[in-house]
Amino acid sequence: MTILKTINLNKVYNSGNIETRALNNVNVKIEEKEFVAVIGPSGSGKSTFLHMLGGVDKPTSGEIYIGERKINDLNEKELAVYRRRNIGFIFQSYNLISVLNVEENISMPVLLDNKDKVEDLDELLDFLGLKDKRYNLPSELSGGQQQRVAIGRALAYKPGIILADEPTGNLDRKSGKDIIDLLKFSAKKYHQTLIIISHDLEIASQANRILNIEDGIMNEVDK
């Protein structure tokens, strides 16, 4: 079953008289429970593509479907709620709130919906290897632990789709491998579709499919 689909997706940035085409007629289908890696040179449009899929940014033209729902027709409020409940976003820079502890950072998406707590929070903390760090602030954690908190936040609603933008970029090789193993295990445990941007071809080679973007044009890479 197709869970994500783009039709003639374009994104153009204008700066003065200079036009930059970040995405150029991208047509892609991603199936439920697939692990897809997106590769390409810096500035090729990888992060733009992920931001489009996650509803963080809007296309200049074209369509994006999650299941049967066309998400670029949603208004900002609808999109924020839909994204929070259905898509887990993981960033290279963690994007944790410095004054909140581990438990509070992980719980942020559900607290924004006025819910008391994350369902099965103890199980999630145990799964992430953070049970003994639940009251620590981000500044008291290693980079790998901070990325685990970011993953926990992305998993708070057990979303069907996880989008990870260079999730190992700031980590040493061992921590990076641990994070990828954790994401793969999570995708299997919660039946999630996992889409990762990575410069690391070793990580990309573990995916079911590899998509390459260059100058805004996407092609599938033969494995």
Protein backbone atom coordinates (compact mmCIF):
# COMPACT_ATOMS: atom_id res chain seq x y z
CA MET A 1 0.00 0.00 0.00
CA THR A 2 1.33 3.44 -0.96
CA ILE A 3 1.66 5.67 2.10
CA LEU A 4 3.46 8.66 0.51
CA LYS A 5 3.17 9.97 -3.02
CA THR A 6 4.31 13.11 -4.81
CA ILE A 7 3.06 14.26 -8.21
CA ASN A 8 5.13 16.77 -10.23
CA LEU A 9 6.55 18.27 -7.05
CA ASN A 10 8.40 21.55 -7.56
CA LYS A 11 10.03 23.97 -5.15
CA VAL A 12 11.51 27.22 -6.40
CA TYR A 13 13.28 29.77 -4.22
CA ASN A 14 13.65 33.35 -5.43
CA SER A 15 16.31 35.69 -4.14
CA GLY A 16 16.25 38.97 -6.04
CA ASN A 17 16.63 38.06 -9.70
CA ILE A 18 18.10 34.65 -8.91
CA GLU A 19 15.81 31.61 -9.12
CA THR A 20 16.86 28.32 -7.53
CA ARG A 21 14.90 25.18 -8.37
CA ALA A 22 15.35 22.96 -5.30
CA LEU A 23 12.93 20.27 -6.54
CA ASN A 24 12.20 19.67 -10.21
CA ASN A 25 9.08 17.63 -11.09
CA VAL A 26 9.67 14.96 -8.43
CA ASN A 27 7.36 11.97 -8.75
CA VAL A 28 7.83 9.26 -6.15
CA LYS A 29 5.78 6.58 -4.40
CA ILE A 30 6.80 5.16 -1.03
CA GLU A 31 5.13 2.05 0.30
CA GLU A 32 3.95 1.36 3.82
CA LYS A 33 6.72 -0.01 6.11
CA GLU A 34 9.48 0.72 3.57
CA PHE A 35 12.91 1.97 4.64
CA VAL A 36 14.01 4.55 2.07
CA ALA A 37 17.34 6.40 2.03
CA VAL A 38 17.70 9.73 0.24
CA ILE A 39 21.20 10.66 -0.91
CA GLY A 40 22.79 13.41 -2.99
CA PRO A 41 25.32 16.24 -2.85
CA SER A 42 24.98 19.14 -0.41
CA GLY A 43 22.41 21.62 -1.68
CA SER A 44 20.83 19.07 -4.03
CA GLY A 45 17.33 19.33 -2.52
CA LYS A 46 17.35 16.43 -0.01
CA SER A 47 16.23 18.41 3.03
CA THR A 48 13.74 20.38 0.93
CA PHE A 49 12.20 17.08 -0.20
CA LEU A 50 11.92 15.84 3.38
CA HIS A 51 10.42 19.14 4.54
CA MET A 52 7.81 18.89 1.77
CA LEU A 53 6.87 15.34 2.80
CA GLY A 54 6.58 16.40 6.43
CA GLY A 55 4.50 19.49 5.72
CA VAL A 56 7.21 21.73 7.21
CA ASP A 57 7.39 23.66 3.92
CA LYS A 58 4.95 24.02 1.02
CA PRO A 59 5.71 23.24 -2.63
CA THR A 60 5.68 25.88 -5.33
CA SER A 61 3.56 23.46 -7.38
CA GLY A 62 2.64 19.80 -7.39
CA GLU A 63 0.86 17.49 -4.97
CA ILE A 64 1.79 15.51 -1.86
CA TYR A 65 -0.39 12.69 -0.59
CA ILE A 66 -0.14 10.81 2.70
CA GLY A 67 -2.42 7.86 2.18
CA GLU A 68 -5.43 9.36 0.43
CA ARG A 69 -4.98 12.79 1.99
CA LYS A 70 -3.54 15.68 -0.03
CA ILE A 71 -1.58 17.48 2.67
CA ASN A 72 -0.67 20.61 0.71
CA ASP A 73 -4.37 21.56 0.74
CA LEU A 74 -4.40 21.76 4.55
CA ASN A 75 -4.21 25.17 6.21
CA GLU A 76 -1.41 25.90 8.71
CA LYS A 77 -3.40 24.92 11.80
CA GLU A 78 -4.69 21.68 10.25
CA LEU A 79 -1.22 20.85 8.96
CA ALA A 80 0.43 21.41 12.35
CA VAL A 81 -2.01 19.02 14.06
CA TYR A 82 -1.80 16.43 11.26
CA ARG A 83 1.99 16.53 11.23
CA ARG A 84 2.23 16.23 15.01
CA ARG A 85 -0.03 13.16 15.13
CA ASN A 86 1.06 11.33 11.99
CA ILE A 87 4.69 12.16 11.23
CA GLY A 88 7.76 11.87 13.43
CA PHE A 89 10.51 14.31 12.42
CA ILE A 90 14.12 13.80 13.58
CA PHE A 91 16.71 16.49 12.95
CA GLN A 92 20.51 16.39 12.87
CA SER A 93 20.65 19.16 15.49
CA TYR A 94 18.23 17.35 17.89
CA ASN A 95 16.09 20.53 18.41
CA LEU A 96 15.48 19.74 22.08
CA ILE A 97 14.16 22.35 24.50
CA SER A 98 17.06 23.09 26.85
CA VAL A 99 14.96 23.86 29.97
CA LEU A 100 12.90 20.65 29.70
CA ASN A 101 14.08 17.28 30.93
CA VAL A 102 14.11 14.05 28.90
CA GLU A 103 10.58 13.04 29.83
CA GLU A 104 9.20 16.51 29.10
CA ASN A 105 10.95 16.80 25.71
CA ILE A 106 9.62 13.40 24.63
CA SER A 107 6.11 14.31 25.82
CA MET A 108 5.97 17.68 24.05
CA PRO A 109 3.84 16.57 21.01
CA VAL A 110 1.08 15.04 23.15
CA LEU A 111 1.18 17.89 25.69
CA LEU A 112 0.51 20.29 22.80
CA ASP A 113 -2.72 18.34 22.27
CA ASN A 114 -3.64 18.91 25.94
CA LYS A 115 -3.09 15.25 26.81
CA ASP A 116 -1.66 14.33 30.19
CA LYS A 117 1.16 12.04 29.08
CA VAL A 118 2.60 9.80 26.42
CA GLU A 119 0.93 6.41 26.31
CA ASP A 120 3.35 3.74 27.58
CA LEU A 121 5.99 6.36 28.44
CA ASP A 122 7.95 4.00 30.70
CA GLU A 123 8.08 1.41 27.93
CA LEU A 124 9.27 4.04 25.45
CA LEU A 125 12.01 5.30 27.82
CA ASP A 126 13.12 1.72 28.37
CA PHE A 127 13.13 1.09 24.61
CA LEU A 128 15.33 4.18 24.12
CA GLY A 129 17.69 3.22 26.95
CA LEU A 130 16.84 6.45 28.78
CA LYS A 131 14.90 5.25 31.83
CA ASP A 132 17.64 6.35 34.23
CA LYS A 133 17.94 9.73 32.45
CA ARG A 134 14.27 10.71 32.44
CA TYR A 135 14.80 13.77 34.67
CA ASN A 136 18.07 14.94 33.08
CA LEU A 137 18.29 18.11 31.00
CA PRO A 138 19.71 17.93 27.43
CA SER A 139 22.95 19.59 28.62
CA GLU A 140 23.53 16.61 30.92
CA LEU A 141 23.37 14.09 28.05
CA SER A 142 25.79 12.88 25.40
CA GLY A 143 25.06 13.56 21.72
CA GLY A 144 23.81 10.01 21.21
CA GLN A 145 21.51 10.29 24.21
CA GLN A 146 20.14 13.63 22.98
CA GLN A 147 19.37 12.05 19.60
CA ARG A 148 17.57 9.22 21.41
CA VAL A 149 15.42 11.86 23.13
CA ALA A 150 14.66 13.37 19.71
CA ILE A 151 13.67 9.91 18.48
CA GLY A 152 11.45 9.48 21.56
CA ARG A 153 9.71 12.75 20.77
CA ALA A 154 9.18 11.57 17.18
CA LEU A 155 7.70 8.29 18.49
CA ALA A 156 5.42 9.90 21.09
CA TYR A 157 2.32 9.35 18.92
CA LYS A 158 3.66 6.13 17.35
CA PRO A 159 3.29 7.79 13.92
CA GLY A 160 3.12 5.80 10.71
CA ILE A 161 5.95 7.80 9.11
CA ILE A 162 9.39 8.73 10.49
CA LEU A 163 11.39 11.37 8.59
CA ALA A 164 15.03 11.66 9.68
CA ASP A 165 17.29 14.42 8.33
CA GLU A 166 20.94 13.33 8.77
CA PRO A 167 20.16 11.80 12.19
CA THR A 168 23.76 10.61 12.65
CA GLY A 169 25.49 13.71 11.28
CA ASN A 170 26.70 14.99 14.66
CA LEU A 171 27.56 11.60 16.13
CA ASP A 172 30.61 9.37 16.21
CA ARG A 173 30.41 6.16 14.17
CA LYS A 174 29.36 3.87 17.04
CA SER A 175 26.66 6.25 18.29
CA GLY A 176 25.50 6.72 14.70
CA LYS A 177 25.22 2.97 14.18
CA ASP A 178 23.26 2.64 17.43
CA ILE A 179 20.82 5.35 16.27
CA ILE A 180 20.25 3.68 12.88
CA ASP A 181 19.75 0.31 14.56
CA LEU A 182 17.25 1.92 16.93
CA LEU A 183 15.32 3.56 14.06
CA LYS A 184 15.19 0.30 12.11
CA PHE A 185 14.03 -1.60 15.19
CA SER A 186 11.38 1.06 15.91
CA ALA A 187 10.12 0.92 12.31
CA LYS A 188 9.74 -2.85 12.59
CA LYS A 189 8.17 -2.75 16.08
CA TYR A 190 5.62 -0.02 15.26
CA HIS A 191 5.14 -0.88 11.54
CA GLN A 192 6.48 2.48 10.41
CA THR A 193 7.72 3.85 7.12
CA LEU A 194 11.25 5.19 7.61
CA ILE A 195 12.79 7.82 5.33
CA ILE A 196 16.35 8.89 6.12
CA ILE A 197 18.57 11.51 4.51
CA SER A 198 22.20 10.51 4.81
CA HIS A 199 25.60 11.25 3.30
CA ASP A 200 26.75 7.88 4.64
CA LEU A 201 26.49 5.27 1.88
CA GLU A 202 26.90 2.49 4.44
CA ILE A 203 23.68 3.66 6.10
CA ALA A 204 21.96 4.11 2.73
CA SER A 205 22.88 0.57 1.69
CA GLN A 206 20.74 -0.81 4.55
CA ALA A 207 17.56 0.69 3.08
CA ASN A 208 15.04 -1.15 0.90
CA ARG A 209 15.41 1.61 -1.70
CA ILE A 210 17.80 4.47 -2.37
CA LEU A 211 16.67 7.72 -3.98
CA ASN A 212 19.29 10.12 -5.32
CA ILE A 213 18.61 13.85 -5.74
CA GLU A 214 20.89 16.01 -7.83
CA ASP A 215 20.01 19.56 -8.92
CA GLY A 216 16.45 18.95 -7.73
CA ILE A 217 15.96 15.88 -9.93
CA MET A 218 15.23 12.56 -8.24
CA ASN A 219 16.16 9.13 -9.55
CA GLU A 220 16.13 5.69 -7.99
CA VAL A 221 19.50 4.04 -7.47
CA ASP A 222 19.91 0.40 -8.44
CA LYS A 223 21.02 -1.67 -5.45
